[in-house]
Amino acid sequence: VTNMGMNIKVKDFLGNNYSCEDAILLRENIKKNLNSGVILDFDGYDRVPSTFLTCLFTELIEKSGREYIFDHID
């Protein structure tokens, strides 16, 4: 996908303090827009824990496949 459809500013969506449970909310929003492509903008965070990213991406990759997710999320 060359033109990504939705730009999600993660900090605006989740705020300063977030947990793995918040990854589920973000994942649901990604699912709704996945076909048109999604840009995840983590600007404003110094670091994002791997546990958060695991919660966010594991189910998406299991359902749609790694290549599809990598092609549709930037």
C-alpha atoms as a PDB file:
ATOM      1  CA  VAL A   1       0.000   0.000   0.000  1.00  0.00           C
ATOM      2  CA  THR A   2       1.665   3.198  -1.114  1.00  0.00           C
ATOM      3  CA  ASN A   3      -0.956   5.635   0.191  1.00  0.00           C
ATOM      4  CA  MET A   4      -1.716   4.942   3.798  1.00  0.00           C
ATOM      5  CA  GLY A   5      -5.314   5.817   4.642  1.00  0.00           C
ATOM      6  CA  MET A   6      -5.303   6.677   8.330  1.00  0.00           C
ATOM      7  CA  ASN A   7      -2.693   8.399  10.457  1.00  0.00           C
ATOM      8  CA  ILE A   8      -3.120   7.548  14.152  1.00  0.00           C
ATOM      9  CA  LYS A   9      -1.248   9.824  16.535  1.00  0.00           C
ATOM     10  CA  VAL A  10      -0.839   7.310  19.337  1.00  0.00           C
ATOM     11  CA  LYS A  11      -0.187   9.923  22.041  1.00  0.00           C
ATOM     12  CA  ASP A  12      -3.405  11.781  21.137  1.00  0.00           C
ATOM     13  CA  PHE A  13      -5.278   8.474  21.162  1.00  0.00           C
ATOM     14  CA  LEU A  14      -3.868   7.019  24.404  1.00  0.00           C
ATOM     15  CA  GLY A  15      -2.360   9.950  26.317  1.00  0.00           C
ATOM     16  CA  ASN A  16       0.815   9.927  28.397  1.00  0.00           C
ATOM     17  CA  ASN A  17       0.117   6.862  30.507  1.00  0.00           C
ATOM     18  CA  TYR A  18      -0.909   3.696  28.740  1.00  0.00           C
ATOM     19  CA  SER A  19      -0.891  -0.035  29.408  1.00  0.00           C
ATOM     20  CA  CYS A  20      -1.150  -3.274  27.463  1.00  0.00           C
ATOM     21  CA  GLU A  21      -4.929  -3.016  27.814  1.00  0.00           C
ATOM     22  CA  ASP A  22      -4.740   0.237  25.837  1.00  0.00           C
ATOM     23  CA  ALA A  23      -3.006  -1.670  23.052  1.00  0.00           C
ATOM     24  CA  ILE A  24      -6.279  -3.574  22.624  1.00  0.00           C
ATOM     25  CA  LEU A  25      -8.176  -0.302  22.077  1.00  0.00           C
ATOM     26  CA  LEU A  26      -5.588   0.854  19.580  1.00  0.00           C
ATOM     27  CA  ARG A  27      -5.652  -2.532  17.820  1.00  0.00           C
ATOM     28  CA  GLU A  28      -9.434  -2.329  17.377  1.00  0.00           C
ATOM     29  CA  ASN A  29      -9.040   1.094  15.767  1.00  0.00           C
ATOM     30  CA  ILE A  30      -6.325  -0.287  13.483  1.00  0.00           C
ATOM     31  CA  LYS A  31      -8.560  -3.216  12.459  1.00  0.00           C
ATOM     32  CA  LYS A  32     -11.311  -0.816  11.326  1.00  0.00           C
ATOM     33  CA  ASN A  33      -8.886   0.967   8.993  1.00  0.00           C
ATOM     34  CA  LEU A  34      -6.472  -1.812   8.040  1.00  0.00           C
ATOM     35  CA  ASN A  35      -7.669  -2.317   4.462  1.00  0.00           C
ATOM     36  CA  SER A  36      -6.892   1.296   3.544  1.00  0.00           C
ATOM     37  CA  GLY A  37      -3.613   1.260   5.476  1.00  0.00           C
ATOM     38  CA  VAL A  38      -2.592   2.768   8.797  1.00  0.00           C
ATOM     39  CA  ILE A  39       0.297   4.971   9.884  1.00  0.00           C
ATOM     40  CA  LEU A  40       1.095   4.715  13.591  1.00  0.00           C
ATOM     41  CA  ASP A  41       2.744   7.919  14.789  1.00  0.00           C
ATOM     42  CA  PHE A  42       4.498   7.398  18.134  1.00  0.00           C
ATOM     43  CA  ASP A  43       5.827  10.976  18.228  1.00  0.00           C
ATOM     44  CA  GLY A  44       5.981  12.330  21.764  1.00  0.00           C
ATOM     45  CA  TYR A  45       7.039   9.072  23.401  1.00  0.00           C
ATOM     46  CA  ASP A  46      10.685   8.509  24.305  1.00  0.00           C
ATOM     47  CA  ARG A  47      10.196   4.761  24.200  1.00  0.00           C
ATOM     48  CA  VAL A  48       7.464   2.190  23.683  1.00  0.00           C
ATOM     49  CA  PRO A  49       7.729  -1.043  25.683  1.00  0.00           C
ATOM     50  CA  SER A  50       8.011  -4.260  23.702  1.00  0.00           C
ATOM     51  CA  THR A  51       5.163  -5.712  25.795  1.00  0.00           C
ATOM     52  CA  PHE A  52       2.863  -2.990  24.447  1.00  0.00           C
ATOM     53  CA  LEU A  53       3.928  -3.703  20.862  1.00  0.00           C
ATOM     54  CA  THR A  54       3.475  -7.449  21.414  1.00  0.00           C
ATOM     55  CA  CYS A  55      -0.070  -6.869  22.701  1.00  0.00           C
ATOM     56  CA  LEU A  56      -0.736  -4.588  19.745  1.00  0.00           C
ATOM     57  CA  PHE A  57       0.583  -6.703  16.885  1.00  0.00           C
ATOM     58  CA  THR A  58       0.415 -10.405  17.846  1.00  0.00           C
ATOM     59  CA  GLU A  59      -3.277 -10.952  17.111  1.00  0.00           C
ATOM     60  CA  LEU A  60      -3.122  -8.854  13.931  1.00  0.00           C
ATOM     61  CA  ILE A  61      -0.208 -10.900  12.599  1.00  0.00           C
ATOM     62  CA  GLU A  62      -1.807 -14.217  13.585  1.00  0.00           C
ATOM     63  CA  LYS A  63      -5.076 -13.339  11.807  1.00  0.00           C
ATOM     64  CA  SER A  64      -3.805 -11.568   8.700  1.00  0.00           C
ATOM     65  CA  GLY A  65      -0.235 -12.765   8.318  1.00  0.00           C
ATOM     66  CA  ARG A  66       3.003 -10.930   8.854  1.00  0.00           C
ATOM     67  CA  GLU A  67       3.448  -9.764   5.266  1.00  0.00           C
ATOM     68  CA  TYR A  68      -0.060  -8.283   5.074  1.00  0.00           C
ATOM     69  CA  ILE A  69       0.374  -6.406   8.372  1.00  0.00           C
ATOM     70  CA  PHE A  70       3.810  -5.111   7.360  1.00  0.00           C
ATOM     71  CA  ASP A  71       2.355  -3.932   4.048  1.00  0.00           C
ATOM     72  CA  HIS A  72      -0.617  -2.168   5.669  1.00  0.00           C
ATOM     73  CA  ILE A  73       0.869  -0.597   8.801  1.00  0.00           C
ATOM     74  CA  ASP A  74       3.658   1.925   8.730  1.00  0.00           C
END
